[in-house]
Amino acid sequence: MLQTTCTQFKDLTATMRDKQSARNTLILRNSSDKDLRAIEQELIDIQRTIARHRRTCPGCVAKAKRTRPLSITPSPVRPQPVSFDIAS
């Protein structure tokens, strides 16, 4: 997760954790689908708010630009199919 000193971002992430805990509690209690849909919609809304915040907050944007992207190494590609890959 992005490490930042932005208090608004920290508040948003705390709200996200609370909503996730509430959702997990509802799942454990076998709550109704209506309740689960409502909490899932709240989670989607807070995720959108976090994404919007990270795009517009000067502190979060500056921090994101300083962070190096993950280096992804491609997986090796087999030049020929293995014998068990070919249908008999």
N, C-alpha and C. Protein backbone atom coordinates (compact mmCIF):
# COMPACT_ATOMS: atom_id res chain seq x y z
N MET A 1 0.85 -1.17 0.00
CA MET A 1 0.00 0.00 0.00
C MET A 1 0.89 1.23 0.00
N LEU A 2 0.37 2.30 -0.52
CA LEU A 2 1.08 3.56 -0.59
C LEU A 2 1.28 4.13 0.81
N GLN A 3 2.53 4.43 1.17
CA GLN A 3 2.82 5.03 2.46
C GLN A 3 2.80 6.55 2.27
N THR A 4 1.96 7.21 3.02
CA THR A 4 1.82 8.66 2.86
C THR A 4 1.56 9.30 4.22
N THR A 5 1.81 10.58 4.30
CA THR A 5 1.51 11.33 5.51
C THR A 5 0.19 12.08 5.39
N CYS A 6 -0.52 11.89 4.29
CA CYS A 6 -1.78 12.56 4.04
C CYS A 6 -2.84 12.05 5.02
N THR A 7 -3.34 12.92 5.87
CA THR A 7 -4.31 12.49 6.88
C THR A 7 -5.64 12.09 6.27
N GLN A 8 -6.03 12.75 5.19
CA GLN A 8 -7.29 12.39 4.55
C GLN A 8 -7.21 10.98 3.97
N PHE A 9 -6.05 10.63 3.38
CA PHE A 9 -5.87 9.30 2.83
C PHE A 9 -5.90 8.26 3.95
N LYS A 10 -5.27 8.57 5.06
CA LYS A 10 -5.29 7.64 6.19
C LYS A 10 -6.71 7.44 6.71
N ASP A 11 -7.49 8.51 6.75
CA ASP A 11 -8.89 8.39 7.18
C ASP A 11 -9.69 7.52 6.21
N LEU A 12 -9.45 7.71 4.92
CA LEU A 12 -10.16 6.91 3.92
C LEU A 12 -9.80 5.42 4.04
N THR A 13 -8.52 5.13 4.25
CA THR A 13 -8.13 3.73 4.38
C THR A 13 -8.68 3.11 5.66
N ALA A 14 -8.77 3.91 6.73
CA ALA A 14 -9.38 3.40 7.97
C ALA A 14 -10.86 3.08 7.75
N THR A 15 -11.54 3.96 7.02
CA THR A 15 -12.95 3.72 6.69
C THR A 15 -13.09 2.45 5.86
N MET A 16 -12.16 2.26 4.92
CA MET A 16 -12.18 1.06 4.07
C MET A 16 -12.03 -0.21 4.92
N ARG A 17 -11.08 -0.18 5.86
CA ARG A 17 -10.89 -1.34 6.75
C ARG A 17 -12.14 -1.61 7.58
N ASP A 18 -12.77 -0.55 8.07
CA ASP A 18 -14.00 -0.72 8.86
C ASP A 18 -15.11 -1.35 8.02
N LYS A 19 -15.26 -0.88 6.79
CA LYS A 19 -16.29 -1.44 5.90
C LYS A 19 -16.00 -2.90 5.57
N GLN A 20 -14.72 -3.22 5.37
CA GLN A 20 -14.36 -4.61 5.09
C GLN A 20 -14.65 -5.50 6.29
N SER A 21 -14.38 -5.01 7.48
CA SER A 21 -14.69 -5.77 8.69
C SER A 21 -16.20 -5.98 8.83
N ALA A 22 -16.96 -4.94 8.53
CA ALA A 22 -18.42 -5.05 8.59
C ALA A 22 -18.92 -6.08 7.58
N ARG A 23 -18.36 -6.05 6.38
CA ARG A 23 -18.75 -7.03 5.36
C ARG A 23 -18.43 -8.45 5.81
N ASN A 24 -17.23 -8.65 6.35
CA ASN A 24 -16.85 -9.97 6.82
C ASN A 24 -17.76 -10.45 7.95
N THR A 25 -18.16 -9.56 8.82
CA THR A 25 -19.08 -9.91 9.90
C THR A 25 -20.43 -10.33 9.33
N LEU A 26 -20.92 -9.59 8.33
CA LEU A 26 -22.19 -9.95 7.70
C LEU A 26 -22.10 -11.32 7.03
N ILE A 27 -20.98 -11.61 6.41
CA ILE A 27 -20.81 -12.91 5.77
C ILE A 27 -20.82 -14.02 6.80
N LEU A 28 -20.11 -13.80 7.93
CA LEU A 28 -20.07 -14.83 8.97
C LEU A 28 -21.44 -15.07 9.60
N ARG A 29 -22.26 -14.04 9.66
CA ARG A 29 -23.59 -14.16 10.26
C ARG A 29 -24.65 -14.65 9.28
N ASN A 30 -24.25 -14.91 8.04
CA ASN A 30 -25.19 -15.31 6.99
C ASN A 30 -26.33 -14.30 6.86
N SER A 31 -25.96 -13.04 6.76
CA SER A 31 -26.95 -11.97 6.63
C SER A 31 -27.64 -12.04 5.28
N SER A 32 -28.67 -11.24 5.14
CA SER A 32 -29.45 -11.26 3.90
C SER A 32 -28.63 -10.66 2.75
N ASP A 33 -29.05 -11.03 1.54
CA ASP A 33 -28.38 -10.51 0.35
C ASP A 33 -28.50 -9.00 0.26
N LYS A 34 -29.60 -8.47 0.73
CA LYS A 34 -29.82 -7.01 0.68
C LYS A 34 -28.75 -6.29 1.51
N ASP A 35 -28.47 -6.81 2.71
CA ASP A 35 -27.45 -6.20 3.56
C ASP A 35 -26.06 -6.32 2.94
N LEU A 36 -25.77 -7.49 2.35
CA LEU A 36 -24.47 -7.68 1.72
C LEU A 36 -24.29 -6.77 0.51
N ARG A 37 -25.35 -6.63 -0.29
CA ARG A 37 -25.26 -5.73 -1.44
C ARG A 37 -25.03 -4.29 -1.01
N ALA A 38 -25.66 -3.90 0.07
CA ALA A 38 -25.50 -2.52 0.56
C ALA A 38 -24.06 -2.27 1.00
N ILE A 39 -23.49 -3.19 1.74
CA ILE A 39 -22.11 -2.99 2.21
C ILE A 39 -21.12 -3.09 1.06
N GLU A 40 -21.41 -3.95 0.07
CA GLU A 40 -20.54 -4.04 -1.10
C GLU A 40 -20.57 -2.74 -1.89
N GLN A 41 -21.73 -2.11 -1.99
CA GLN A 41 -21.82 -0.83 -2.69
C GLN A 41 -21.05 0.25 -1.94
N GLU A 42 -21.11 0.21 -0.62
CA GLU A 42 -20.32 1.16 0.18
C GLU A 42 -18.84 0.95 -0.05
N LEU A 43 -18.41 -0.31 -0.15
CA LEU A 43 -17.00 -0.60 -0.42
C LEU A 43 -16.57 -0.07 -1.79
N ILE A 44 -17.42 -0.27 -2.78
CA ILE A 44 -17.10 0.23 -4.12
C ILE A 44 -17.00 1.76 -4.10
N ASP A 45 -17.91 2.40 -3.40
CA ASP A 45 -17.89 3.87 -3.31
C ASP A 45 -16.61 4.37 -2.64
N ILE A 46 -16.20 3.72 -1.56
CA ILE A 46 -14.99 4.17 -0.87
C ILE A 46 -13.75 3.89 -1.70
N GLN A 47 -13.75 2.80 -2.47
CA GLN A 47 -12.62 2.52 -3.37
C GLN A 47 -12.51 3.61 -4.44
N ARG A 48 -13.65 4.04 -4.98
CA ARG A 48 -13.64 5.12 -5.97
C ARG A 48 -13.15 6.43 -5.35
N THR A 49 -13.59 6.67 -4.12
CA THR A 49 -13.15 7.90 -3.44
C THR A 49 -11.65 7.88 -3.20
N ILE A 50 -11.11 6.72 -2.81
CA ILE A 50 -9.67 6.60 -2.59
C ILE A 50 -8.93 6.82 -3.91
N ALA A 51 -9.40 6.20 -4.99
CA ALA A 51 -8.75 6.37 -6.29
C ALA A 51 -8.77 7.83 -6.73
N ARG A 52 -9.91 8.49 -6.54
CA ARG A 52 -10.02 9.92 -6.90
C ARG A 52 -9.07 10.76 -6.06
N HIS A 53 -9.00 10.44 -4.78
CA HIS A 53 -8.11 11.19 -3.89
C HIS A 53 -6.66 11.03 -4.31
N ARG A 54 -6.26 9.81 -4.63
CA ARG A 54 -4.87 9.57 -5.00
C ARG A 54 -4.49 10.28 -6.30
N ARG A 55 -5.47 10.52 -7.18
CA ARG A 55 -5.20 11.25 -8.42
C ARG A 55 -5.12 12.75 -8.21
N THR A 56 -5.85 13.27 -7.23
CA THR A 56 -5.97 14.72 -7.11
C THR A 56 -5.18 15.33 -5.95
N CYS A 57 -4.86 14.57 -4.93
CA CYS A 57 -4.15 15.12 -3.77
C CYS A 57 -2.68 15.37 -4.14
N PRO A 58 -2.18 16.58 -3.96
CA PRO A 58 -0.80 16.88 -4.33
C PRO A 58 0.23 16.02 -3.58
N GLY A 59 -0.03 15.75 -2.31
CA GLY A 59 0.90 14.93 -1.54
C GLY A 59 0.93 13.49 -2.01
N CYS A 60 -0.23 12.93 -2.29
CA CYS A 60 -0.31 11.53 -2.74
C CYS A 60 0.23 11.38 -4.15
N VAL A 61 -0.04 12.36 -5.03
CA VAL A 61 0.46 12.29 -6.40
C VAL A 61 1.98 12.38 -6.41
N ALA A 62 2.54 13.28 -5.61
CA ALA A 62 3.99 13.43 -5.55
C ALA A 62 4.64 12.15 -5.02
N LYS A 63 4.04 11.55 -4.02
CA LYS A 63 4.56 10.31 -3.45
C LYS A 63 4.51 9.18 -4.48
N ALA A 64 3.41 9.10 -5.22
CA ALA A 64 3.26 8.05 -6.22
C ALA A 64 4.29 8.20 -7.34
N LYS A 65 4.63 9.44 -7.70
CA LYS A 65 5.61 9.66 -8.76
C LYS A 65 7.01 9.27 -8.30
N ARG A 66 7.30 9.38 -7.01
CA ARG A 66 8.62 9.02 -6.50
C ARG A 66 8.78 7.51 -6.35
N THR A 67 7.68 6.79 -6.28
CA THR A 67 7.73 5.35 -6.08
C THR A 67 8.07 4.67 -7.40
N ARG A 68 9.05 3.76 -7.35
CA ARG A 68 9.43 3.03 -8.56
C ARG A 68 8.34 2.03 -8.91
N PRO A 69 8.07 1.84 -10.19
CA PRO A 69 7.11 0.80 -10.57
C PRO A 69 7.72 -0.58 -10.34
N LEU A 70 6.86 -1.55 -10.13
CA LEU A 70 7.33 -2.91 -9.95
C LEU A 70 7.94 -3.42 -11.24
N SER A 71 9.06 -4.10 -11.12
CA SER A 71 9.64 -4.69 -12.32
C SER A 71 9.03 -6.07 -12.50
N ILE A 72 8.48 -6.27 -13.64
CA ILE A 72 7.82 -7.54 -13.93
C ILE A 72 8.66 -8.27 -14.97
N THR A 73 9.06 -9.47 -14.63
CA THR A 73 9.84 -10.27 -15.57
C THR A 73 8.88 -11.20 -16.31
N PRO A 74 9.02 -11.28 -17.61
CA PRO A 74 8.12 -12.15 -18.35
C PRO A 74 8.39 -13.61 -18.04
N SER A 75 7.35 -14.39 -18.08
CA SER A 75 7.52 -15.82 -17.84
C SER A 75 8.13 -16.47 -19.07
N PRO A 76 8.91 -17.51 -18.87
CA PRO A 76 9.53 -18.16 -20.03
C PRO A 76 8.47 -18.80 -20.92
N VAL A 77 8.69 -18.74 -22.21
CA VAL A 77 7.76 -19.30 -23.17
C VAL A 77 8.33 -20.60 -23.71
N ARG A 78 7.50 -21.63 -23.73
CA ARG A 78 7.96 -22.91 -24.26
C ARG A 78 8.00 -22.83 -25.78
N PRO A 79 9.12 -23.20 -26.38
CA PRO A 79 9.20 -23.11 -27.84
C PRO A 79 8.34 -24.15 -28.54
N GLN A 80 8.16 -25.31 -27.92
CA GLN A 80 7.36 -26.38 -28.53
C GLN A 80 6.42 -26.94 -27.49
N PRO A 81 5.29 -27.47 -27.91
CA PRO A 81 4.38 -28.06 -26.92
C PRO A 81 4.98 -29.33 -26.32
N VAL A 82 4.71 -29.54 -25.07
CA VAL A 82 5.15 -30.74 -24.40
C VAL A 82 4.24 -31.88 -24.86
N SER A 83 4.75 -33.10 -24.83
CA SER A 83 4.01 -34.23 -25.41
C SER A 83 2.62 -34.40 -24.80
N PHE A 84 2.45 -34.13 -23.49
CA PHE A 84 1.13 -34.32 -22.91
C PHE A 84 0.18 -33.18 -23.24
N ASP A 85 0.68 -32.09 -23.85
CA ASP A 85 -0.19 -31.00 -24.28
C ASP A 85 -0.93 -31.35 -25.58
N ILE A 86 -0.39 -32.29 -26.34
CA ILE A 86 -0.98 -32.64 -27.61
C ILE A 86 -2.05 -33.71 -27.37
N ALA A 87 -3.25 -33.42 -27.85
CA ALA A 87 -4.34 -34.38 -27.68
C ALA A 87 -4.10 -35.60 -28.56
N SER A 88 -4.32 -36.77 -28.00
CA SER A 88 -4.10 -37.99 -28.77
C SER A 88 -5.37 -38.47 -29.42
